[in-house]
Protein backbone atom coordinates (compact mmCIF):
# COMPACT_ATOMS: atom_id res chain seq x y z
CA MET A 1 10.72 6.48 -10.49
CA ARG A 2 7.64 6.85 -7.71
CA SER A 3 4.09 6.26 -8.26
CA VAL A 4 1.28 7.00 -6.42
CA ILE A 5 -1.70 5.69 -6.74
CA PHE A 6 -5.73 6.79 -5.44
CA ALA A 7 -7.43 4.28 -4.80
CA ASN A 8 -11.66 4.36 -4.08
CA GLY A 9 -11.31 3.44 -0.35
CA VAL A 10 -11.56 5.52 2.71
CA LEU A 11 -9.64 8.60 3.05
CA ASN A 12 -8.97 10.93 4.99
CA HIS A 13 -8.84 14.17 2.99
CA SER A 14 -7.86 16.66 5.95
CA GLY A 15 -5.17 14.16 7.00
CA ASN A 16 -1.44 13.41 5.58
CA ALA A 17 -1.72 12.83 1.97
CA LEU A 18 -0.94 15.32 0.38
CA LYS A 19 2.50 15.42 2.82
CA LEU A 20 3.70 12.44 1.36
CA LEU A 21 3.32 13.72 -2.73
CA ASN A 22 6.26 15.25 -4.01
CA PRO A 23 5.84 17.03 -7.58
CA ARG A 24 8.30 14.49 -9.74
CA ASP A 25 5.17 11.89 -8.63
CA LEU A 26 3.08 9.97 -11.09
CA VAL A 27 -0.62 9.88 -9.74
CA ILE A 28 -2.64 7.68 -11.15
CA ALA A 29 -6.34 7.69 -9.76
CA ALA A 30 -8.14 4.19 -10.00
CA ASP A 31 -11.34 5.17 -11.21
CA GLY A 32 -13.63 6.73 -7.72
CA GLY A 33 -10.22 7.49 -6.00
CA ALA A 34 -9.84 10.82 -8.60
CA GLY A 35 -12.85 12.08 -6.51
CA HIS A 36 -10.20 11.94 -3.45
CA CYS A 37 -7.80 13.58 -5.74
CA LEU A 38 -10.30 16.48 -6.35
CA ALA A 39 -10.88 17.08 -3.28
CA MET A 40 -7.74 17.53 -2.07
CA GLY A 41 -6.37 19.69 -4.95
CA ILE A 42 -4.66 16.84 -6.70
CA LYS A 43 -4.26 16.76 -10.69
CA PRO A 44 -3.93 13.11 -11.36
CA GLY A 45 -1.40 13.16 -14.30
CA VAL A 46 -3.39 9.30 -15.44
CA ALA A 47 -7.20 7.91 -14.64
CA ILE A 48 -7.29 4.40 -15.06
CA GLY A 49 -11.03 2.53 -14.82
CA ASP A 50 -14.22 1.53 -16.18
CA PHE A 51 -15.43 4.81 -13.95
CA ASP A 52 -18.98 3.14 -12.41
CA SER A 53 -17.84 4.56 -9.24
CA LEU A 54 -17.08 8.29 -10.85
CA SER A 55 -19.58 11.29 -11.53
CA PRO A 56 -20.25 12.25 -15.14
CA ASP A 57 -18.75 15.56 -13.57
CA HIS A 58 -15.45 14.97 -12.25
CA LEU A 59 -14.85 12.63 -14.97
CA ASN A 60 -15.34 15.78 -17.34
CA ARG A 61 -13.58 17.97 -14.85
CA LEU A 62 -9.95 15.82 -14.77
CA LYS A 63 -10.53 16.10 -18.59
CA GLU A 64 -10.70 19.79 -17.59
CA ILE A 65 -7.13 20.23 -16.07
CA GLY A 66 -5.69 17.58 -18.43
CA THR A 67 -5.73 14.19 -17.35
CA GLU A 68 -5.20 10.81 -19.45
CA ILE A 69 -7.89 9.04 -19.35
CA ILE A 70 -7.73 5.41 -19.53
CA ARG A 71 -11.08 3.74 -19.77
CA HIS A 72 -11.94 0.28 -19.77
CA PRO A 73 -15.21 -1.65 -20.08
CA VAL A 74 -17.11 -3.17 -16.67
CA ARG A 75 -17.04 -6.12 -17.50
CA LYS A 76 -13.38 -7.04 -16.35
CA ASP A 77 -11.33 -9.61 -15.17
CA PHE A 78 -9.24 -6.58 -12.73
CA THR A 79 -9.83 -4.73 -10.39
CA ASP A 80 -9.59 -1.36 -10.76
CA LEU A 81 -6.68 -0.76 -8.74
CA GLU A 82 -4.79 -3.90 -10.06
CA LEU A 83 -5.12 -1.92 -13.38
CA ALA A 84 -3.35 1.29 -11.84
CA LEU A 85 -0.75 -1.14 -10.33
CA LYS A 86 -0.14 -2.96 -13.97
CA LEU A 87 0.62 0.58 -15.87
CA ALA A 88 2.89 2.33 -12.92
CA VAL A 89 4.95 -0.08 -13.47
CA ASP A 90 4.09 -0.13 -17.26
CA ARG A 91 5.43 3.78 -17.00
CA GLY A 92 8.50 2.79 -14.38
CA ALA A 93 7.67 2.64 -11.20
CA ASP A 94 10.41 0.81 -8.77
CA GLU A 95 8.06 2.73 -6.00
CA ILE A 96 4.31 2.84 -5.21
CA LEU A 97 2.14 4.31 -2.59
CA ILE A 98 -1.44 3.18 -2.35
CA LEU A 99 -3.55 5.55 -0.50
CA GLY A 100 -6.96 4.80 -0.21
CA ALA A 101 -7.00 1.16 -0.39
CA LEU A 102 -8.44 0.42 2.98
CA GLY A 103 -12.25 0.89 3.26
CA ARG A 104 -16.48 -0.65 4.56
CA ARG A 105 -15.56 -3.36 1.81
CA TRP A 106 -13.61 -6.45 3.46
CA ASP A 107 -13.36 -7.88 -0.03
CA MET A 108 -11.89 -5.63 -1.73
CA THR A 109 -9.75 -4.46 1.21
CA ILE A 110 -8.87 -8.17 1.50
CA ALA A 111 -8.07 -8.18 -1.96
CA ASN A 112 -6.42 -5.04 -2.25
CA ILE A 113 -3.81 -6.26 0.38
CA PHE A 114 -2.88 -9.26 -0.67
CA MET A 115 -2.43 -8.34 -4.16
CA LEU A 116 0.97 -7.12 -3.15
CA ALA A 117 2.29 -10.45 -3.61
CA ALA A 118 1.18 -10.18 -7.54
CA PRO A 119 4.11 -11.73 -10.19
CA ILE A 120 4.29 -8.04 -11.86
CA LEU A 121 5.10 -6.66 -8.14
CA VAL A 122 8.29 -8.58 -7.27
CA GLN A 123 10.68 -5.95 -8.42
CA THR A 124 8.47 -2.96 -7.16
CA GLN A 125 8.45 -1.70 -3.79
CA VAL A 126 4.86 -1.15 -2.60
CA ARG A 127 3.01 -0.25 0.76
CA ILE A 128 -0.39 0.82 1.15
CA VAL A 129 -0.68 3.52 2.85
CA ASP A 130 -3.38 5.61 5.26
CA ASP A 131 -2.53 8.97 8.45
CA PHE A 132 -1.73 5.72 11.41
CA GLN A 133 -0.76 2.38 9.54
CA GLU A 134 1.80 1.21 6.48
CA ILE A 135 1.14 -2.05 5.03
CA ILE A 136 4.31 -3.56 3.46
CA LEU A 137 5.29 -7.04 1.68
CA LEU A 138 8.28 -8.33 2.92
CA CYS A 139 11.05 -10.81 0.56
CA LYS A 140 12.94 -13.33 2.09
CA MET A 141 16.85 -13.80 2.15
CA LYS A 142 17.16 -9.70 2.33
CA PRO A 143 17.48 -7.25 5.42
CA HIS A 144 14.58 -4.72 6.10
CA SER A 145 14.55 -1.58 8.17
CA ILE A 146 11.50 -0.69 8.98
CA HIS A 147 11.96 2.97 10.37
CA GLY A 148 9.40 4.59 12.73
CA ARG A 149 9.62 5.70 16.39
CA ALA A 150 9.86 4.60 19.95
CA GLY A 151 6.44 2.52 20.56
CA ASP A 152 5.30 2.60 17.65
CA THR A 153 3.51 -1.24 16.93
CA LEU A 154 4.52 -3.76 14.66
CA SER A 155 3.09 -6.77 13.43
CA LEU A 156 3.90 -9.66 11.38
CA VAL A 157 1.59 -11.44 9.17
CA PRO A 158 2.82 -14.80 7.36
CA LEU A 159 0.88 -15.01 4.31
CA SER A 160 2.49 -18.90 3.53
CA GLU A 161 1.92 -22.01 5.80
CA ASP A 162 5.44 -21.28 7.08
CA VAL A 163 7.69 -18.45 7.59
CA GLN A 164 10.77 -19.76 8.42
CA GLY A 165 14.03 -18.45 9.59
CA ILE A 166 12.89 -15.12 11.03
CA THR A 167 14.87 -12.74 13.21
CA LEU A 168 13.82 -9.68 14.70
CA GLY A 169 15.90 -6.91 16.21
CA GLY A 170 14.85 -3.48 17.63
CA LEU A 171 11.14 -4.84 18.81
CA GLU A 172 10.35 -5.49 22.50
CA TYR A 173 9.80 -8.84 21.09
CA PRO A 174 13.28 -10.29 19.48
CA LEU A 175 13.53 -13.49 17.44
CA GLN A 176 16.41 -15.38 16.40
CA ASP A 177 16.14 -17.76 13.55
CA ASP A 178 12.62 -19.27 14.68
CA ILE A 179 9.31 -19.79 13.06
CA LEU A 180 5.84 -17.80 12.63
CA LYS A 181 3.01 -19.92 11.29
CA PHE A 182 0.30 -19.22 9.22
CA GLY A 183 -3.24 -18.62 11.18
CA ALA A 184 -1.32 -17.72 14.13
CA THR A 185 -0.84 -14.84 16.06
CA ARG A 186 2.31 -14.47 17.64
CA GLY A 187 3.76 -11.80 15.10
CA ILE A 188 0.80 -9.51 16.10
CA SER A 189 1.50 -6.40 18.31
CA ASN A 190 5.11 -6.40 18.53
CA VAL A 191 6.54 -2.43 19.86
CA LEU A 192 9.76 -0.89 18.69
CA VAL A 193 12.19 -0.26 21.23
CA ASN A 194 13.51 2.75 19.25
CA ASP A 195 13.48 4.95 15.49
CA THR A 196 14.60 1.20 13.50
CA ALA A 197 13.30 -2.55 13.56
CA THR A 198 15.31 -4.81 11.39
CA ILE A 199 13.69 -8.04 10.12
CA TYR A 200 15.32 -10.72 7.87
CA PHE A 201 13.71 -14.52 7.19
CA LYS A 202 14.74 -17.41 5.14
CA GLN A 203 11.53 -18.56 3.67
CA GLY A 204 7.88 -17.71 3.24
CA GLN A 205 5.48 -14.46 2.78
CA LEU A 206 5.29 -12.05 5.21
CA LEU A 207 3.11 -9.04 5.87
CA CYS A 208 4.60 -5.84 7.95
CA ILE A 209 1.91 -3.96 9.02
CA LEU A 210 3.58 -1.04 10.69
CA THR A 211 0.91 1.35 13.22
CA ARG A 212 2.62 4.92 13.91
CA THR A 213 1.14 5.74 18.00
CA ASN A 214 2.16 9.00 19.87
CA ARG A 215 2.51 11.22 17.14
CA LYS A 216 0.93 14.82 17.76
């Protein structure tokens, strides 16, 4: 089952979000993310959070349309997005898309990206998506195929001290059983030479950012 989570970051209401949804998705609004849903005419199945970022009118509207409301106290140890991710996993999601996870607050943006490494998500495919970018945490000892178009930019950012035994294919700058080091920029701004790039590595944690270009 797939869940789509709307967070309270920057989201283009006239962008591609609606195209990503299908009727079987469990749509979860993380607090102010419900405002994005309502602005785009999307009914979230669940809204969760302390609702300090959602107006009373929006909250009343959610109740009117039958959205399940799960309220948490303002003084809590988790962000609203983390609560939404836990809820999605608890309800059986094996794939999660997160929209609106990036924005003006760098602390929240960085925390949202690093949340992809949370232990509760180890068995779940999670992607942060906006109009032009897709962010994924890749697993070691597993072949990965990243689908885009020739000319798209693919960047790899180590989240551990060393990412060892990395092999890249389908890219302008391939690697063979090589190393990417934490804090170095060697993996930034590679380019797809066809519609699929392949990534495999033996040790470490690796963040993959696909930036879609050449789109009309």
